[in-house]
Amino acid sequence: MDAQSYTAQERRAANQVWAAAGAYGFEPLFLARYTDGTTDFYMNTVVGLIHKYYGDALIRSVFDAWDGDLRQTMLDDMTWLYLENAAYRLELPRRPVLEALRHAHADYFFAIQYKLSRQEWMAKNQLVYTMQAARWRRVLGRADPVMTPYESGLAAALAFLQDGPRFREAENGVVYLAHCAARTGTYLSRAAHIPAGQPLAYLIAPPVPALLGLDAALKAAGVELAEFYAPPTETNFAGALLTGTRSACLAACTAFAGAVCEAAARPLEAEGTRRNDHGI
């Protein structure tokens, strides 16, 4: 939709997206509004943050994958529920007010349900509604709604970014992954050249912090280097897969995260340490 043809409400929603993205002039992929027509400030903020962190082309390619599918609306809604977690976790350290905005959004989600007409209720996709209700009940600290085993599994998958392994952010925009897998599946087992079901430390960061972090991890715990991702990788990161006991892998993750955060806080000192260690 061309910005010139926006209604007043659409213009307001677009401004919310642009403000969150920190960029203006692009056409938002979605504009979020409640069923009563008012703008959804929190979800428009999420749309803007997704543009900020992932860009336009990548996200459009995701939604284009099911463009024209009979389930398009459902898939769109499910995907935004998944992306909401990503945007929230990435931006929360910079914008602590997101926690209150998210809580208010959850409150309003349930409050507005009482205003829906019978026709509006019938038009709802019940699977999407159940997933939304599960998400916002968790945000409010409430128990999950009654769900089938399939719905419970889907809700867990949609919450994966919140409860499972994820990249974390140190100072100066440095992001890193320090995840201890208690039992590897077939994919990571092949990557690490180990039998399935073994503990594994999965460590990734930008090149300099990663090398310092790996040095700390290998010295702090009785782990072995199973696979090394030397820089420059396709994503310009570096890292490794380390194996050992679960307690050793946890210790390695803790040491890696600590060293990466310290390097991020003192980037010039970290670069000097790397050069000295390599005799440069």
Protein backbone atom coordinates (compact mmCIF):
# COMPACT_ATOMS: atom_id res chain seq x y z
CA MET A 1 0.00 0.00 0.00
CA ASP A 2 1.35 3.40 -0.95
CA ALA A 3 1.87 5.73 2.03
CA GLN A 4 -0.08 8.44 0.24
CA SER A 5 -3.23 6.32 0.39
CA TYR A 6 -3.08 5.60 4.14
CA THR A 7 -6.12 6.43 6.24
CA ALA A 8 -5.56 8.37 9.44
CA GLN A 9 -5.42 5.16 11.49
CA GLU A 10 -3.09 3.48 9.01
CA ARG A 11 -0.82 6.51 9.03
CA ARG A 12 -0.70 6.35 12.82
CA ALA A 13 0.13 2.64 12.72
CA ALA A 14 2.84 3.22 10.09
CA ASN A 15 4.41 5.95 12.22
CA GLN A 16 4.57 3.50 15.14
CA VAL A 17 6.34 0.95 12.92
CA TRP A 18 8.80 3.53 11.56
CA ALA A 19 9.59 4.90 15.01
CA ALA A 20 10.44 1.44 16.34
CA ALA A 21 12.54 0.62 13.27
CA GLY A 22 14.42 3.90 13.50
CA ALA A 23 13.91 4.33 9.76
CA TYR A 24 11.29 6.05 7.65
CA GLY A 25 10.11 5.74 4.08
CA PHE A 26 9.88 1.95 3.76
CA GLU A 27 6.50 0.31 3.35
CA PRO A 28 5.66 -1.70 6.48
CA LEU A 29 5.00 -5.36 5.82
CA PHE A 30 2.05 -5.29 8.23
CA LEU A 31 0.10 -2.67 10.15
CA ALA A 32 -1.39 -4.03 13.35
CA ARG A 33 -4.85 -2.98 14.51
CA TYR A 34 -7.29 -4.36 17.03
CA THR A 35 -10.69 -5.67 15.99
CA ASP A 36 -12.25 -2.35 17.02
CA GLY A 37 -10.06 -0.55 14.46
CA THR A 38 -7.66 1.12 16.90
CA THR A 39 -3.94 0.76 16.32
CA ASP A 40 -2.06 -1.94 18.19
CA PHE A 41 0.92 0.03 19.48
CA TYR A 42 2.85 -2.93 20.87
CA MET A 43 2.58 -5.15 17.78
CA ASN A 44 3.38 -2.22 15.47
CA THR A 45 6.48 -1.72 17.60
CA VAL A 46 7.28 -5.41 17.07
CA VAL A 47 6.86 -5.03 13.28
CA GLY A 48 9.30 -2.11 13.35
CA LEU A 49 11.82 -3.98 15.50
CA ILE A 50 11.76 -6.97 13.17
CA HIS A 51 12.62 -4.59 10.31
CA LYS A 52 15.40 -3.10 12.45
CA TYR A 53 17.04 -6.42 13.29
CA TYR A 54 16.35 -8.54 10.21
CA GLY A 55 15.81 -6.07 7.38
CA ASP A 56 13.02 -6.03 4.83
CA ALA A 57 14.09 -8.59 2.23
CA LEU A 58 14.56 -11.53 4.60
CA ILE A 59 11.22 -11.13 6.38
CA ARG A 60 9.32 -10.56 3.13
CA SER A 61 10.83 -13.75 1.71
CA VAL A 62 9.48 -15.65 4.73
CA PHE A 63 5.92 -14.41 4.27
CA ASP A 64 6.14 -14.77 0.48
CA ALA A 65 6.70 -18.50 0.97
CA TRP A 66 2.96 -19.02 1.58
CA ASP A 67 1.57 -16.07 -0.34
CA GLY A 68 -1.77 -17.13 -1.86
CA ASP A 69 -2.06 -20.23 0.31
CA LEU A 70 -5.52 -20.86 1.75
CA ARG A 71 -3.90 -20.83 5.19
CA GLN A 72 -2.07 -17.54 4.60
CA THR A 73 -3.81 -15.54 7.31
CA MET A 74 -3.26 -18.28 9.88
CA LEU A 75 0.40 -18.69 8.91
CA ASP A 76 0.92 -14.91 9.04
CA ASP A 77 -0.56 -14.74 12.54
CA MET A 78 1.50 -17.69 13.78
CA THR A 79 4.69 -16.24 12.34
CA TRP A 80 4.18 -12.88 14.00
CA LEU A 81 3.57 -14.65 17.29
CA TYR A 82 6.94 -16.36 16.83
CA LEU A 83 8.71 -13.16 15.75
CA GLU A 84 7.26 -11.24 18.70
CA ASN A 85 9.46 -13.26 21.04
CA ALA A 86 12.54 -12.51 18.96
CA ALA A 87 11.89 -8.77 18.82
CA TYR A 88 11.10 -8.57 22.52
CA ARG A 89 14.25 -10.38 23.62
CA LEU A 90 16.54 -8.45 21.29
CA GLU A 91 15.22 -5.01 22.18
CA LEU A 92 14.44 -5.40 25.90
CA PRO A 93 18.00 -4.58 27.10
CA ARG A 94 17.85 -1.27 25.17
CA ARG A 95 14.19 -0.50 25.86
CA PRO A 96 13.10 -1.83 29.30
CA VAL A 97 9.67 -0.20 28.87
CA LEU A 98 8.84 -3.05 26.47
CA GLU A 99 8.07 -5.26 29.46
CA ALA A 100 5.26 -2.95 30.58
CA LEU A 101 4.01 -2.52 27.00
CA ARG A 102 3.93 -6.28 26.52
CA HIS A 103 2.02 -6.75 29.76
CA ALA A 104 -0.51 -4.07 28.76
CA HIS A 105 -0.93 -5.71 25.36
CA ALA A 106 -1.68 -9.05 27.03
CA ASP A 107 -4.23 -7.41 29.33
CA TYR A 108 -5.96 -5.73 26.40
CA PHE A 109 -6.02 -8.97 24.40
CA PHE A 110 -8.27 -10.59 26.99
CA ALA A 111 -10.28 -7.45 27.75
CA ILE A 112 -11.31 -6.99 24.12
CA GLN A 113 -12.56 -10.58 23.80
CA TYR A 114 -15.66 -9.69 25.81
CA LYS A 115 -16.60 -7.07 23.21
CA LEU A 116 -16.56 -9.43 20.23
CA SER A 117 -19.82 -10.23 18.51
CA ARG A 118 -20.90 -13.80 17.82
CA GLN A 119 -19.99 -13.33 14.16
CA GLU A 120 -16.50 -12.10 15.11
CA TRP A 121 -15.99 -15.12 17.34
CA MET A 122 -17.06 -17.48 14.57
CA ALA A 123 -14.66 -15.78 12.14
CA LYS A 124 -11.69 -16.39 14.43
CA ASN A 125 -9.25 -19.16 13.63
CA GLN A 126 -9.48 -21.18 16.83
CA LEU A 127 -5.96 -22.57 16.60
CA VAL A 128 -4.51 -19.07 16.25
CA TYR A 129 -6.64 -17.82 19.14
CA THR A 130 -5.50 -20.69 21.37
CA MET A 131 -1.85 -19.94 20.60
CA GLN A 132 -2.36 -16.23 21.25
CA ALA A 133 -4.19 -16.96 24.50
CA ALA A 134 -1.38 -19.27 25.63
CA ARG A 135 1.26 -16.63 24.86
CA TRP A 136 -0.46 -13.75 26.60
CA ARG A 137 -1.52 -15.84 29.60
CA ARG A 138 2.15 -16.73 30.11
CA VAL A 139 3.12 -13.05 29.86
CA LEU A 140 0.59 -12.31 32.61
CA GLY A 141 1.90 -15.18 34.73
CA ARG A 142 -1.22 -17.29 34.31
CA ALA A 143 -1.56 -20.99 33.60
CA ASP A 144 -1.96 -22.12 29.99
CA PRO A 145 -5.47 -22.64 28.65
CA VAL A 146 -6.73 -26.19 28.20
CA MET A 147 -5.05 -27.48 25.04
CA THR A 148 -4.78 -30.68 23.04
CA PRO A 149 -1.35 -32.39 22.87
CA TYR A 150 -0.89 -30.92 19.38
CA GLU A 151 -1.71 -27.40 20.60
CA SER A 152 0.62 -27.79 23.58
CA GLY A 153 3.46 -28.80 21.29
CA LEU A 154 2.81 -25.90 18.94
CA ALA A 155 2.67 -23.43 21.83
CA ALA A 156 6.02 -24.74 23.05
CA ALA A 157 7.52 -24.31 19.58
CA LEU A 158 6.24 -20.74 19.32
CA ALA A 159 7.73 -19.95 22.75
CA PHE A 160 11.08 -21.50 21.83
CA LEU A 161 12.86 -18.17 21.44
CA GLN A 162 11.78 -17.20 24.94
CA ASP A 163 12.50 -20.44 26.76
CA GLY A 164 15.11 -22.12 24.56
CA PRO A 165 18.61 -21.26 23.35
CA ARG A 166 19.01 -17.84 21.84
CA PHE A 167 21.58 -15.19 21.06
CA ARG A 168 22.16 -12.75 23.89
CA GLU A 169 23.54 -9.25 23.73
CA ALA A 170 26.60 -7.91 25.50
CA GLU A 171 27.77 -4.29 25.41
CA ASN A 172 28.40 -2.35 22.20
CA GLY A 173 25.98 -4.47 20.22
CA VAL A 174 27.99 -7.69 20.51
CA VAL A 175 25.72 -10.74 20.33
CA TYR A 176 26.72 -14.27 21.27
CA LEU A 177 25.36 -17.77 21.80
CA ALA A 178 26.46 -19.89 24.76
CA HIS A 179 24.14 -22.88 24.90
CA CYS A 180 24.57 -26.18 26.69
CA ALA A 181 22.61 -29.00 25.07
CA ALA A 182 21.99 -31.72 27.65
CA ARG A 183 21.51 -34.32 24.91
CA THR A 184 22.36 -33.80 21.25
CA GLY A 185 20.08 -34.85 18.43
CA THR A 186 21.20 -36.32 15.14
CA TYR A 187 22.07 -32.99 13.48
CA LEU A 188 24.40 -31.61 16.16
CA SER A 189 25.85 -35.06 16.77
CA ARG A 190 26.92 -35.27 13.12
CA ALA A 191 28.33 -31.73 13.27
CA ALA A 192 30.35 -32.52 16.41
CA HIS A 193 31.29 -36.06 15.31
CA ILE A 194 29.89 -37.59 18.51
CA PRO A 195 27.20 -40.18 19.31
CA ALA A 196 23.67 -38.85 19.68
CA GLY A 197 22.57 -38.08 23.22
CA GLN A 198 25.85 -36.56 24.44
CA PRO A 199 26.18 -33.16 26.18
CA LEU A 200 27.47 -30.32 24.02
CA ALA A 201 28.48 -26.68 24.44
CA TYR A 202 27.48 -24.60 21.38
CA LEU A 203 29.49 -21.34 21.39
CA ILE A 204 29.26 -18.55 18.80
CA ALA A 205 30.31 -14.87 18.82
CA PRO A 206 32.05 -12.27 16.61
CA PRO A 207 35.63 -13.31 15.77
CA VAL A 208 37.71 -11.53 18.45
CA PRO A 209 35.35 -12.09 21.40
CA ALA A 210 34.80 -15.68 20.20
CA LEU A 211 38.50 -16.54 20.21
CA LEU A 212 38.97 -15.06 23.68
CA GLY A 213 35.83 -16.80 24.87
CA LEU A 214 36.91 -20.19 23.52
CA ASP A 215 40.29 -19.82 25.19
CA ALA A 216 38.52 -19.18 28.50
CA ALA A 217 36.07 -22.05 27.99
CA LEU A 218 38.77 -24.61 27.20
CA LYS A 219 40.80 -23.55 30.23
CA ALA A 220 37.84 -23.46 32.63
CA ALA A 221 36.40 -26.91 32.05
CA GLY A 222 37.33 -30.44 31.09
CA VAL A 223 35.92 -30.20 27.59
CA GLU A 224 37.28 -31.15 24.18
CA LEU A 225 37.11 -29.22 20.93
CA ALA A 226 34.80 -31.18 18.62
CA GLU A 227 34.38 -28.62 15.84
CA PHE A 228 35.91 -25.19 15.30
CA TYR A 229 34.24 -22.53 13.17
CA ALA A 230 37.19 -20.40 12.17
CA PRO A 231 36.62 -16.82 11.02
CA PRO A 232 35.64 -15.56 8.61
CA THR A 233 32.51 -17.69 8.40
CA GLU A 234 29.57 -16.87 6.12
CA THR A 235 28.06 -14.77 8.92
CA ASN A 236 31.46 -13.28 9.94
CA PHE A 237 31.21 -15.00 13.32
CA ALA A 238 33.39 -17.66 14.91
CA GLY A 239 32.80 -20.38 17.46
CA ALA A 240 33.02 -24.03 18.32
CA LEU A 241 31.26 -27.15 19.52
CA LEU A 242 32.79 -28.51 22.74
CA THR A 243 32.08 -31.91 24.27
CA GLY A 244 32.39 -33.27 27.78
CA THR A 245 30.19 -33.98 30.77
CA ARG A 246 27.11 -31.84 31.21
CA SER A 247 28.68 -29.98 34.16
CA ALA A 248 31.83 -29.35 32.12
CA CYS A 249 29.81 -28.05 29.17
CA LEU A 250 27.84 -25.75 31.47
CA ALA A 251 31.10 -24.43 32.95
CA ALA A 252 32.46 -23.88 29.45
CA CYS A 253 29.35 -21.90 28.47
CA THR A 254 29.64 -19.74 31.58
CA ALA A 255 33.33 -19.05 30.95
CA PHE A 256 32.71 -18.29 27.28
CA ALA A 257 29.87 -15.86 28.05
CA GLY A 258 31.94 -14.09 30.70
CA ALA A 259 34.93 -13.65 28.41
CA VAL A 260 32.77 -12.43 25.50
CA CYS A 261 31.00 -9.88 27.70
CA GLU A 262 34.34 -8.65 29.06
CA ALA A 263 35.75 -8.34 25.54
CA ALA A 264 32.64 -6.48 24.39
CA ALA A 265 32.99 -4.00 27.24
CA ARG A 266 36.69 -3.37 26.41
CA PRO A 267 37.03 -3.87 22.64
CA LEU A 268 40.44 -2.20 22.26
CA GLU A 269 41.95 -4.22 25.09
CA ALA A 270 40.42 -7.40 23.65
CA GLU A 271 41.99 -6.74 20.24
CA GLY A 272 45.35 -6.12 21.91
CA THR A 273 45.08 -9.37 23.87
CA ARG A 274 44.29 -11.30 20.69
CA ARG A 275 47.28 -9.79 18.90
CA ASN A 276 49.64 -10.53 21.80
CA ASP A 277 48.41 -14.11 22.06
CA HIS A 278 49.20 -14.61 18.38
CA GLY A 279 52.56 -12.81 18.52
CA ILE A 280 51.45 -9.91 16.33
